[in-house]
Amino acid sequence: MFIQTGITVFSAIFQLLLISLVAGILVRKNVVSKPQIKILSTVTINVFLPCLIIAKTLIRFQPENFTNWWILPVSGILVVLIGLLFSSLLFKFKLDKNPLIALSSIQNGIYIVLPIGQILFTDQFDLFSLNCFLLVLGLNPLMWSVGKVLISGKKDSRIHWKDFITPPLVAIFISVIAVLTHLSSFIPNPVIASMDLLGQATVPLAVFILGATIGSISLKNMPSIQDILTVATVKYILVPTTVFAILYYWDFHISMPLFCSFMMIQAAAPPATNLILIVENYGGDTQSISSMMLIQYLICIIALPLWIAAWQSVVG
């Protein structure tokens, strides 16, 4: 089962890798320019992803049948805190290692997880994506506060409340509140269907944007082997092991199997690509952080299938 599951997951990630590889080549060959990718990213973040979030939440979020939904934003916070704890200890709380601590602890909660979920859990993708959006309620504020301070390498890095108000986060809050207050019942079905149709463009666009972003990274300023191994140890060994133990010990795999698979993907996901955007906007060593990001994504191609296969093998 381990080998079969590993091959299935690797095949899914390999599909994403091919799309990302083509996107990266197109950017490096200037067939697609960086400004065009930026525009595409802006449209995806401001239009397609919010439409997907609202549509899937209104369709699938049923609090009466999903009483433990609050576990997801809490889980998003806990995964980040686990990474912060381990990475801070391994990097010995050194200020010059703060960017690496951010890369070790803040995962890509949507752009890599959603495409994997769509391939592996086709029949349950609506529920899988809802889990993703609810988890981001906890993950996103930490990324734009603690993550921003750490990745910029500045103790006095100012946190503006506007940084938290992103279209995807607003879409999550609006759709969740609409469901909890039953205002969603007044939204016509054709409106929801139209948003769902637009939202379906999110996953392929997200993979393309991710590949273009990673593919444009230069490897001229490589991080040290020790730093690479330390980040990888936290990201792909310590955090997934801890999440694995928590899920198995408390028997979550019996009552919430999809949630457990989802959390294992989140726990072994690579660093958030938004960290690069934060560095570009607020300062920091863009080159070394980008190089580390690229290396960790390459490691993820092997690490993520192994963890999903290990989880499925243990819980059956």
Protein backbone atom coordinates (compact mmCIF):
# COMPACT_ATOMS: atom_id res chain seq x y z
CA MET A 1 0.00 0.00 0.00
CA PHE A 2 2.86 2.38 0.83
CA ILE A 3 4.43 1.98 -2.61
CA GLN A 4 1.12 2.18 -4.46
CA THR A 5 0.01 5.29 -2.56
CA GLY A 6 3.43 6.89 -2.96
CA ILE A 7 3.36 6.34 -6.72
CA THR A 8 -0.19 7.76 -6.95
CA VAL A 9 0.72 10.89 -4.99
CA PHE A 10 3.99 11.34 -6.85
CA SER A 11 2.12 11.07 -10.16
CA ALA A 12 -0.26 13.80 -8.98
CA ILE A 13 2.59 16.06 -7.96
CA PHE A 14 4.45 15.24 -11.18
CA GLN A 15 1.48 16.59 -13.16
CA LEU A 16 1.75 19.83 -11.23
CA LEU A 17 5.52 19.81 -11.73
CA LEU A 18 5.13 19.59 -15.51
CA ILE A 19 2.80 22.59 -15.58
CA SER A 20 5.10 24.51 -13.24
CA LEU A 21 8.14 23.55 -15.32
CA VAL A 22 6.55 24.82 -18.53
CA ALA A 23 5.55 28.05 -16.78
CA GLY A 24 9.08 28.54 -15.47
CA ILE A 25 10.60 27.94 -18.91
CA LEU A 26 8.18 30.40 -20.52
CA VAL A 27 9.23 33.07 -18.01
CA ARG A 28 12.95 32.38 -18.42
CA LYS A 29 12.62 32.50 -22.23
CA ASN A 30 10.63 35.76 -21.94
CA VAL A 31 7.68 34.21 -23.76
CA VAL A 32 5.70 35.27 -20.71
CA SER A 33 7.05 38.31 -18.89
CA LYS A 34 7.17 38.88 -15.13
CA PRO A 35 4.73 41.83 -15.40
CA GLN A 36 2.27 39.53 -17.17
CA ILE A 37 2.62 36.93 -14.42
CA LYS A 38 2.07 39.67 -11.85
CA ILE A 39 -1.15 40.72 -13.62
CA LEU A 40 -2.27 37.09 -13.84
CA SER A 41 -1.52 36.63 -10.15
CA THR A 42 -3.44 39.78 -9.25
CA VAL A 43 -6.51 38.65 -11.20
CA THR A 44 -6.33 35.19 -9.62
CA ILE A 45 -6.01 36.53 -6.09
CA ASN A 46 -8.59 39.29 -6.51
CA VAL A 47 -11.20 37.52 -8.67
CA PHE A 48 -10.89 33.78 -9.31
CA LEU A 49 -9.78 32.61 -5.85
CA PRO A 50 -12.40 34.70 -3.97
CA CYS A 51 -15.08 33.35 -6.32
CA LEU A 52 -13.92 29.78 -5.62
CA ILE A 53 -13.88 30.43 -1.86
CA ILE A 54 -17.36 31.96 -1.76
CA ALA A 55 -18.93 29.36 -4.04
CA LYS A 56 -17.46 26.30 -2.31
CA THR A 57 -18.21 27.70 1.15
CA LEU A 58 -21.82 28.49 0.32
CA ILE A 59 -22.28 25.09 -1.32
CA ARG A 60 -20.48 22.87 1.18
CA PHE A 61 -20.31 24.68 4.55
CA GLN A 62 -23.13 23.32 6.70
CA PRO A 63 -22.38 24.16 10.36
CA GLU A 64 -25.09 21.80 11.63
CA ASN A 65 -23.26 18.90 9.94
CA PHE A 66 -19.79 20.35 10.42
CA THR A 67 -19.86 21.23 14.11
CA ASN A 68 -16.09 21.00 14.50
CA TRP A 69 -15.28 23.45 11.69
CA TRP A 70 -13.44 25.72 14.13
CA ILE A 71 -10.75 23.03 14.40
CA LEU A 72 -9.45 24.04 10.97
CA PRO A 73 -8.40 27.67 11.69
CA VAL A 74 -7.00 26.49 15.03
CA SER A 75 -5.06 23.76 13.19
CA GLY A 76 -3.63 26.36 10.82
CA ILE A 77 -2.29 28.29 13.81
CA LEU A 78 -0.93 25.19 15.51
CA VAL A 79 0.99 23.95 12.46
CA VAL A 80 2.72 27.32 12.19
CA LEU A 81 3.48 27.41 15.94
CA ILE A 82 4.97 23.91 15.79
CA GLY A 83 7.25 25.01 12.96
CA LEU A 84 8.21 28.20 14.82
CA LEU A 85 9.11 26.22 17.93
CA PHE A 86 11.32 23.66 16.20
CA SER A 87 13.02 26.12 13.85
CA SER A 88 13.71 28.63 16.62
CA LEU A 89 15.38 25.91 18.68
CA LEU A 90 17.45 24.55 15.79
CA PHE A 91 18.52 28.04 14.68
CA LYS A 92 19.18 28.93 18.34
CA PHE A 93 16.99 32.05 18.20
CA LYS A 94 19.61 33.92 16.12
CA LEU A 95 18.20 37.12 14.60
CA ASP A 96 20.06 36.64 11.32
CA LYS A 97 18.23 33.31 10.91
CA ASN A 98 14.75 34.82 11.26
CA PRO A 99 13.99 34.57 7.50
CA LEU A 100 14.85 30.87 7.60
CA ILE A 101 12.60 30.42 10.63
CA ALA A 102 9.74 31.90 8.59
CA LEU A 103 10.48 29.58 5.66
CA SER A 104 10.55 26.61 8.04
CA SER A 105 7.23 27.33 9.72
CA ILE A 106 4.79 29.04 7.31
CA GLN A 107 3.51 26.67 4.65
CA ASN A 108 1.86 27.12 1.29
CA GLY A 109 -1.71 26.65 2.42
CA ILE A 110 -3.52 27.04 -0.91
CA TYR A 111 -1.46 27.20 -4.12
CA ILE A 112 0.13 23.76 -3.77
CA VAL A 113 -2.46 22.08 -1.53
CA LEU A 114 -5.56 22.81 -3.64
CA PRO A 115 -4.19 21.27 -6.87
CA ILE A 116 -3.05 18.16 -5.00
CA GLY A 117 -6.47 17.87 -3.38
CA GLN A 118 -8.24 18.21 -6.72
CA ILE A 119 -6.22 15.32 -8.16
CA LEU A 120 -6.23 13.00 -5.12
CA PHE A 121 -9.73 13.71 -3.78
CA THR A 122 -11.73 14.44 -6.91
CA ASP A 123 -15.02 13.20 -5.44
CA GLN A 124 -14.53 15.19 -2.23
CA PHE A 125 -12.83 18.27 -3.64
CA ASP A 126 -15.60 20.66 -2.54
CA LEU A 127 -15.13 19.58 1.08
CA PHE A 128 -11.35 19.45 0.71
CA SER A 129 -11.25 23.02 -0.60
CA LEU A 130 -13.54 24.17 2.23
CA ASN A 131 -11.08 22.69 4.73
CA CYS A 132 -8.35 24.64 2.98
CA PHE A 133 -10.18 27.96 3.16
CA LEU A 134 -11.13 27.55 6.82
CA LEU A 135 -7.55 26.66 7.76
CA VAL A 136 -6.34 29.84 6.06
CA LEU A 137 -8.42 31.83 8.56
CA GLY A 138 -5.78 30.90 11.12
CA LEU A 139 -2.75 30.74 8.82
CA ASN A 140 -3.08 34.05 6.96
CA PRO A 141 -2.97 36.44 9.97
CA LEU A 142 0.18 34.73 11.28
CA MET A 143 1.87 34.96 7.88
CA TRP A 144 1.22 38.70 7.59
CA SER A 145 2.27 39.45 11.17
CA VAL A 146 4.89 37.07 12.56
CA GLY A 147 5.94 35.92 9.10
CA LYS A 148 6.33 39.47 7.85
CA VAL A 149 8.59 40.46 10.75
CA LEU A 150 10.72 37.31 10.47
CA ILE A 151 11.12 37.20 6.69
CA SER A 152 12.04 40.89 6.39
CA GLY A 153 14.73 40.45 9.05
CA LYS A 154 13.71 43.65 10.81
CA LYS A 155 12.68 43.77 14.45
CA ASP A 156 10.98 47.12 13.86
CA SER A 157 9.09 45.95 10.77
CA ARG A 158 5.75 47.69 11.07
CA ILE A 159 2.59 45.67 10.71
CA HIS A 160 -0.26 47.52 9.01
CA TRP A 161 -3.82 46.37 9.51
CA LYS A 162 -4.38 46.76 5.76
CA ASP A 163 -1.93 43.89 5.16
CA PHE A 164 -4.40 41.48 6.72
CA ILE A 165 -7.27 42.52 4.47
CA THR A 166 -6.65 40.46 1.35
CA PRO A 167 -9.45 39.53 -1.08
CA PRO A 168 -9.24 35.78 -0.26
CA LEU A 169 -9.44 36.43 3.49
CA VAL A 170 -12.36 38.83 3.02
CA ALA A 171 -14.09 36.22 0.85
CA ILE A 172 -13.63 33.59 3.58
CA PHE A 173 -15.07 35.85 6.30
CA ILE A 174 -18.00 37.02 4.16
CA SER A 175 -18.98 33.52 3.04
CA VAL A 176 -18.63 31.97 6.51
CA ILE A 177 -20.66 34.77 8.13
CA ALA A 178 -23.28 34.49 5.37
CA VAL A 179 -23.71 30.80 6.15
CA LEU A 180 -23.70 31.21 9.94
CA THR A 181 -26.31 33.99 9.77
CA HIS A 182 -28.35 32.14 7.08
CA LEU A 183 -28.01 35.11 4.74
CA SER A 184 -26.68 32.65 2.17
CA SER A 185 -30.22 31.38 1.62
CA PHE A 186 -31.08 34.70 -0.02
CA ILE A 187 -28.31 34.41 -2.63
CA PRO A 188 -29.76 33.14 -5.94
CA ASN A 189 -28.38 29.80 -7.15
CA PRO A 190 -27.37 31.23 -10.56
CA VAL A 191 -25.12 33.73 -8.76
CA ILE A 192 -23.40 30.94 -6.81
CA ALA A 193 -23.10 28.82 -9.97
CA SER A 194 -21.52 31.74 -11.84
CA MET A 195 -18.94 32.26 -9.08
CA ASP A 196 -18.26 28.53 -9.03
CA LEU A 197 -17.63 28.60 -12.79
CA LEU A 198 -15.16 31.47 -12.44
CA GLY A 199 -13.53 29.80 -9.46
CA GLN A 200 -12.76 26.66 -11.44
CA ALA A 201 -9.99 28.61 -13.18
CA THR A 202 -8.17 29.03 -9.85
CA VAL A 203 -6.39 25.68 -9.58
CA PRO A 204 -4.72 25.56 -13.03
CA LEU A 205 -3.85 29.26 -12.81
CA ALA A 206 -2.42 28.79 -9.31
CA VAL A 207 -0.14 26.01 -10.52
CA PHE A 208 0.99 28.08 -13.50
CA ILE A 209 1.67 31.15 -11.34
CA LEU A 210 3.53 29.05 -8.79
CA GLY A 211 5.73 27.56 -11.52
CA ALA A 212 6.38 30.96 -13.06
CA THR A 213 7.31 32.42 -9.67
CA ILE A 214 9.62 29.57 -8.71
CA GLY A 215 10.99 29.24 -12.26
CA SER A 216 12.13 32.85 -12.34
CA ILE A 217 14.28 32.41 -9.24
CA SER A 218 18.03 32.62 -9.74
CA LEU A 219 20.43 30.15 -8.11
CA LYS A 220 23.41 32.53 -8.10
CA ASN A 221 23.37 33.03 -4.33
CA MET A 222 22.92 29.55 -2.88
CA PRO A 223 22.25 29.11 0.86
CA SER A 224 24.58 26.97 2.92
CA ILE A 225 24.08 23.20 3.07
CA GLN A 226 23.57 23.43 6.83
CA ASP A 227 20.75 25.96 6.47
CA ILE A 228 19.13 23.91 3.69
CA LEU A 229 19.19 20.77 5.84
CA THR A 230 17.91 22.60 8.91
CA VAL A 231 14.92 24.10 7.08
CA ALA A 232 14.19 20.75 5.42
CA THR A 233 14.44 18.94 8.77
CA VAL A 234 11.81 21.20 10.31
CA LYS A 235 9.62 21.39 7.21
CA TYR A 236 9.64 17.76 6.14
CA ILE A 237 10.51 15.76 9.26
CA LEU A 238 9.72 17.44 12.58
CA VAL A 239 6.45 19.21 11.69
CA PRO A 240 4.89 16.29 9.75
CA THR A 241 5.98 13.82 12.45
CA THR A 242 4.34 15.92 15.16
CA VAL A 243 1.11 16.34 13.19
CA PHE A 244 1.13 12.63 12.33
CA ALA A 245 1.44 11.71 16.03
CA ILE A 246 -1.33 14.10 17.11
CA LEU A 247 -3.78 12.89 14.46
CA TYR A 248 -3.08 9.22 15.18
CA TYR A 249 -2.95 9.43 18.98
CA TRP A 250 -6.32 11.18 19.27
CA ASP A 251 -7.95 8.87 16.68
CA PHE A 252 -8.88 11.70 14.33
CA HIS A 253 -8.30 9.27 11.46
CA ILE A 254 -11.38 7.30 12.54
CA SER A 255 -13.86 10.15 12.80
CA MET A 256 -12.39 12.60 10.23
CA PRO A 257 -10.35 10.72 7.59
CA LEU A 258 -10.40 13.51 4.97
CA PHE A 259 -9.35 16.08 7.56
CA CYS A 260 -6.38 13.92 8.53
CA SER A 261 -5.20 13.45 4.95
CA PHE A 262 -5.65 17.17 4.41
CA MET A 263 -3.62 18.03 7.52
CA MET A 264 -0.79 15.70 6.50
CA ILE A 265 -0.60 17.49 3.15
CA GLN A 266 -0.57 20.84 4.96
CA ALA A 267 2.08 19.67 7.44
CA ALA A 268 4.44 18.54 4.66
CA ALA A 269 3.71 21.43 2.29
CA PRO A 270 6.60 23.67 1.15
CA PRO A 271 7.05 27.30 2.27
CA ALA A 272 4.43 29.89 1.34
CA THR A 273 5.27 31.68 -1.92
CA ASN A 274 3.65 34.80 -0.47
CA LEU A 275 6.77 35.13 1.67
CA ILE A 276 8.64 36.18 -1.48
CA LEU A 277 6.02 38.85 -2.13
CA ILE A 278 6.39 40.09 1.43
CA VAL A 279 10.17 40.36 1.02
CA GLU A 280 9.83 42.26 -2.25
CA ASN A 281 7.42 44.72 -0.64
CA TYR A 282 8.92 45.14 2.83
CA GLY A 283 12.60 44.37 2.37
CA GLY A 284 14.91 41.46 3.04
CA ASP A 285 17.42 39.28 1.24
CA THR A 286 15.30 38.41 -1.79
CA GLN A 287 17.99 36.38 -3.55
CA SER A 288 18.92 34.02 -0.71
CA ILE A 289 15.30 33.57 0.37
CA SER A 290 14.23 32.80 -3.20
CA SER A 291 17.03 30.27 -3.62
CA MET A 292 16.08 28.54 -0.39
CA MET A 293 12.45 28.53 -1.50
CA LEU A 294 13.30 26.82 -4.79
CA ILE A 295 15.39 24.13 -3.09
CA GLN A 296 12.65 23.38 -0.55
CA TYR A 297 10.10 22.99 -3.35
CA LEU A 298 12.37 20.48 -5.06
CA ILE A 299 12.68 18.52 -1.80
CA CYS A 300 8.90 18.61 -1.44
CA ILE A 301 8.49 16.61 -4.66
CA ILE A 302 9.87 13.59 -2.79
CA ALA A 303 8.91 14.37 0.81
CA LEU A 304 5.20 15.05 0.34
CA PRO A 305 4.38 11.75 -1.45
CA LEU A 306 6.30 9.84 1.21
CA TRP A 307 4.31 11.39 4.06
CA ILE A 308 0.93 10.90 2.42
CA ALA A 309 1.86 7.30 1.58
CA ALA A 310 3.05 6.71 5.17
CA TRP A 311 -0.21 8.08 6.59
CA GLN A 312 -2.42 6.03 4.28
CA SER A 313 -0.40 2.90 4.99
CA VAL A 314 -0.77 3.28 8.76
CA VAL A 315 -4.48 4.15 8.87
CA GLY A 316 -5.48 1.98 5.90
